[in-house]
């Protein structure tokens, strides 16, 4: 059964375009998603081939609110960012943000730039009450993005996330409330 395609609006930052994924993006996705230093930090296994990347685009990215991060200067896809339902707060207007970035683009501030743009979209366009994000304790790069964006640490859930290889890991939970967004970003 094919999942319903969710259309996402095109968003821009100074250096990035956030746009819908297309099947033609599979090679760019594979280029960064095959790296063993990228996926496992987010809990997913490195992609084995372009076919697997195409399947992820078709079955996951295009049926969720997931954007391709395109570097304006080169036109290449450098990562992804998305929103999904917040399973911890199903009764309120809340989403969870997640992201990944190709290793060749680490340390340039791209993910913080993209995350801040998506935070604006989440609160201004989707009218969220809460935006949350989770990461593993060892994912220091992600934790730096979370801190730079102004999220508040809520706590750690022990053995709360099963990795692609079956191991369990802790989950550090962070959130931003609407009033915090308005204070930080206005």
Protein backbone atom coordinates (compact mmCIF):
# COMPACT_ATOMS: atom_id res chain seq x y z
CA UNK A 1 0.00 0.00 0.00
CA UNK A 2 1.39 3.38 -1.00
CA UNK A 3 1.50 6.03 1.67
CA UNK A 4 -0.09 9.38 0.99
CA UNK A 5 2.40 11.94 -0.30
CA UNK A 6 2.76 14.98 1.92
CA UNK A 7 3.75 18.18 0.19
CA UNK A 8 6.07 20.54 2.03
CA UNK A 9 6.52 24.21 1.21
CA UNK A 10 9.80 25.51 -0.15
CA UNK A 11 11.70 27.39 2.56
CA UNK A 12 14.93 29.35 2.29
CA UNK A 13 17.76 30.56 4.47
CA UNK A 14 20.80 32.61 3.55
CA UNK A 15 22.74 29.57 2.27
CA UNK A 16 20.14 26.80 1.96
CA UNK A 17 16.96 25.86 0.16
CA UNK A 18 14.64 23.48 2.01
CA UNK A 19 12.49 21.70 -0.56
CA UNK A 20 10.58 18.52 -1.28
CA UNK A 21 12.47 15.33 -2.01
CA UNK A 22 12.12 13.84 -5.48
CA UNK A 23 13.10 10.37 -6.75
CA UNK A 24 15.90 12.06 -8.74
CA UNK A 25 17.56 13.01 -5.41
CA UNK A 26 18.48 9.40 -4.58
CA UNK A 27 22.13 9.70 -5.61
CA UNK A 28 22.67 12.83 -3.48
CA UNK A 29 20.99 11.15 -0.51
CA UNK A 30 23.09 8.02 -0.96
CA UNK A 31 26.26 10.12 -1.16
CA UNK A 32 25.92 11.22 2.47
CA UNK A 33 23.67 8.48 3.89
CA UNK A 34 26.16 5.69 3.12
CA UNK A 35 28.71 7.22 5.50
CA UNK A 36 28.93 5.20 8.74
CA UNK A 37 29.53 8.44 10.67
CA UNK A 38 26.14 9.90 9.66
CA UNK A 39 23.19 7.51 10.06
CA UNK A 40 24.13 5.60 13.20
CA UNK A 41 24.17 8.84 15.25
CA UNK A 42 20.50 9.24 14.32
CA UNK A 43 19.72 5.55 14.81
CA UNK A 44 19.61 4.35 11.20
CA UNK A 45 22.02 2.17 9.30
CA UNK A 46 24.15 3.51 6.47
CA UNK A 47 22.46 3.09 3.09
CA UNK A 48 23.78 0.15 1.10
CA UNK A 49 23.05 1.47 -2.40
CA UNK A 50 21.17 4.11 -4.40
CA UNK A 51 18.14 1.80 -4.57
CA UNK A 52 17.84 1.90 -0.79
CA UNK A 53 18.10 5.70 -0.81
CA UNK A 54 15.36 5.89 -3.47
CA UNK A 55 13.15 3.65 -1.33
CA UNK A 56 13.70 5.92 1.72
CA UNK A 57 12.70 8.94 -0.37
CA UNK A 58 9.60 7.22 -1.77
CA UNK A 59 8.38 5.47 1.37
CA UNK A 60 9.51 7.76 4.17
CA UNK A 61 10.54 11.26 3.12
CA UNK A 62 7.68 11.87 0.66
CA UNK A 63 5.03 10.58 3.09
CA UNK A 64 6.23 12.74 5.98
CA UNK A 65 7.09 16.39 6.40
CA UNK A 66 10.71 15.99 5.33
CA UNK A 67 12.75 18.55 3.42
CA UNK A 68 15.91 18.10 1.35
CA UNK A 69 18.58 20.61 2.37
CA UNK A 70 20.10 22.05 -0.77
CA UNK A 71 23.25 24.15 -0.61
CA UNK A 72 22.52 27.23 -2.75
CA UNK A 73 26.11 27.64 -3.89
CA UNK A 74 26.56 24.12 -5.28
CA UNK A 75 22.96 22.98 -5.80
CA UNK A 76 23.78 19.72 -3.97
CA UNK A 77 21.70 18.08 -1.31
CA UNK A 78 23.67 18.18 1.92
CA UNK A 79 21.14 16.75 4.38
CA UNK A 80 17.53 16.46 5.46
CA UNK A 81 15.29 17.94 8.11
CA UNK A 82 11.75 17.06 9.04
CA UNK A 83 8.81 17.20 11.38
CA UNK A 84 6.77 14.27 12.61
CA UNK A 85 4.05 13.75 15.15
CA UNK A 86 5.19 14.09 18.76
CA UNK A 87 4.25 10.70 20.19
CA UNK A 88 4.71 12.00 23.74
CA UNK A 89 2.15 14.85 23.34
CA UNK A 90 -0.57 13.51 21.02
CA UNK A 91 -3.32 15.72 22.43
CA UNK A 92 -1.76 19.10 21.65
CA UNK A 93 -0.28 20.90 18.65
CA UNK A 94 3.24 19.50 18.96
CA UNK A 95 5.74 18.04 16.52
CA UNK A 96 9.15 16.47 16.76
CA UNK A 97 12.01 17.79 14.64
CA UNK A 98 14.73 15.50 13.31
CA UNK A 99 17.65 15.99 10.93
CA UNK A 100 20.80 14.58 9.36
CA UNK A 101 23.71 16.23 7.57
CA UNK A 102 26.41 14.89 5.31
CA UNK A 103 29.79 14.67 7.03
CA UNK A 104 31.44 16.86 4.39
CA UNK A 105 29.20 19.72 5.59
CA UNK A 106 29.70 19.37 9.35
CA UNK A 107 31.01 22.41 11.18
CA UNK A 108 29.62 25.01 8.75
CA UNK A 109 26.49 25.94 10.72
CA UNK A 110 24.16 24.55 8.05
CA UNK A 111 22.05 22.46 10.40
CA UNK A 112 21.58 25.26 12.91
CA UNK A 113 20.57 27.55 10.03
CA UNK A 114 18.07 25.00 8.68
CA UNK A 115 16.71 24.15 12.13
CA UNK A 116 16.08 27.81 12.97
CA UNK A 117 14.17 28.24 9.71
CA UNK A 118 12.06 25.17 10.47
CA UNK A 119 11.42 26.41 14.01
CA UNK A 120 9.96 29.61 12.53
CA UNK A 121 7.81 27.57 10.14
CA UNK A 122 6.60 25.29 12.94
CA UNK A 123 5.47 28.09 15.24
CA UNK A 124 4.41 30.72 12.69
CA UNK A 125 2.78 28.59 9.99
CA UNK A 126 1.75 25.40 11.80
CA UNK A 127 0.86 27.34 14.98
CA UNK A 128 2.48 24.74 17.24
CA UNK A 129 2.29 24.94 21.02
CA UNK A 130 5.43 22.80 21.49
CA UNK A 131 8.31 21.67 19.30
CA UNK A 132 10.39 18.81 20.62
CA UNK A 133 13.59 17.10 19.61
CA UNK A 134 15.38 13.96 20.79
CA UNK A 135 18.95 12.80 20.46
CA UNK A 136 21.34 10.30 21.97
CA UNK A 137 23.71 11.27 24.75
CA UNK A 138 26.76 10.65 22.57
CA UNK A 139 25.54 12.77 19.63
CA UNK A 140 27.41 15.92 20.64
CA UNK A 141 27.01 17.63 17.25
CA UNK A 142 23.24 17.34 17.42
CA UNK A 143 23.24 18.53 21.02
CA UNK A 144 25.16 21.66 19.96
CA UNK A 145 22.53 22.44 17.31
CA UNK A 146 19.80 21.95 19.90
CA UNK A 147 21.55 24.32 22.32
CA UNK A 148 22.19 26.97 19.65
CA UNK A 149 18.52 26.90 18.69
CA UNK A 150 17.39 27.51 22.28
CA UNK A 151 15.66 24.25 23.21
CA UNK A 152 15.24 23.36 26.90
CA UNK A 153 16.48 20.00 28.18
CA UNK A 154 13.58 18.03 29.68
CA UNK A 155 15.30 14.83 30.75
CA UNK A 156 16.64 11.49 29.59
CA UNK A 157 14.59 8.39 28.93
CA UNK A 158 16.65 5.28 29.55
CA UNK A 159 16.55 2.49 26.97
CA UNK A 160 13.87 4.33 25.04
CA UNK A 161 15.08 3.97 21.44
CA UNK A 162 15.94 0.84 19.51
CA UNK A 163 18.74 1.35 16.99
CA UNK A 164 18.75 -0.30 13.56
CA UNK A 165 21.06 -3.04 14.90
CA UNK A 166 18.77 -3.90 17.83
CA UNK A 167 20.71 -2.17 20.58
CA UNK A 168 18.81 0.10 22.95
CA UNK A 169 19.97 3.60 23.74
CA UNK A 170 18.98 6.48 25.95
CA UNK A 171 17.07 9.44 24.55
CA UNK A 172 17.73 13.02 25.62
CA UNK A 173 14.51 15.00 25.27
CA UNK A 174 14.33 18.74 24.60
CA UNK A 175 11.47 21.10 23.83
CA UNK A 176 10.61 24.66 22.94
CA UNK A 177 7.30 26.16 24.00
CA UNK A 178 5.48 28.77 21.93
CA UNK A 179 6.22 31.49 24.48
CA UNK A 180 9.92 30.55 24.46
CA UNK A 181 9.95 30.79 20.66
CA UNK A 182 8.35 34.21 20.83
CA UNK A 183 10.92 35.39 23.35
CA UNK A 184 13.93 33.98 21.49
CA UNK A 185 12.98 34.60 17.86
CA UNK A 186 11.02 37.86 17.78
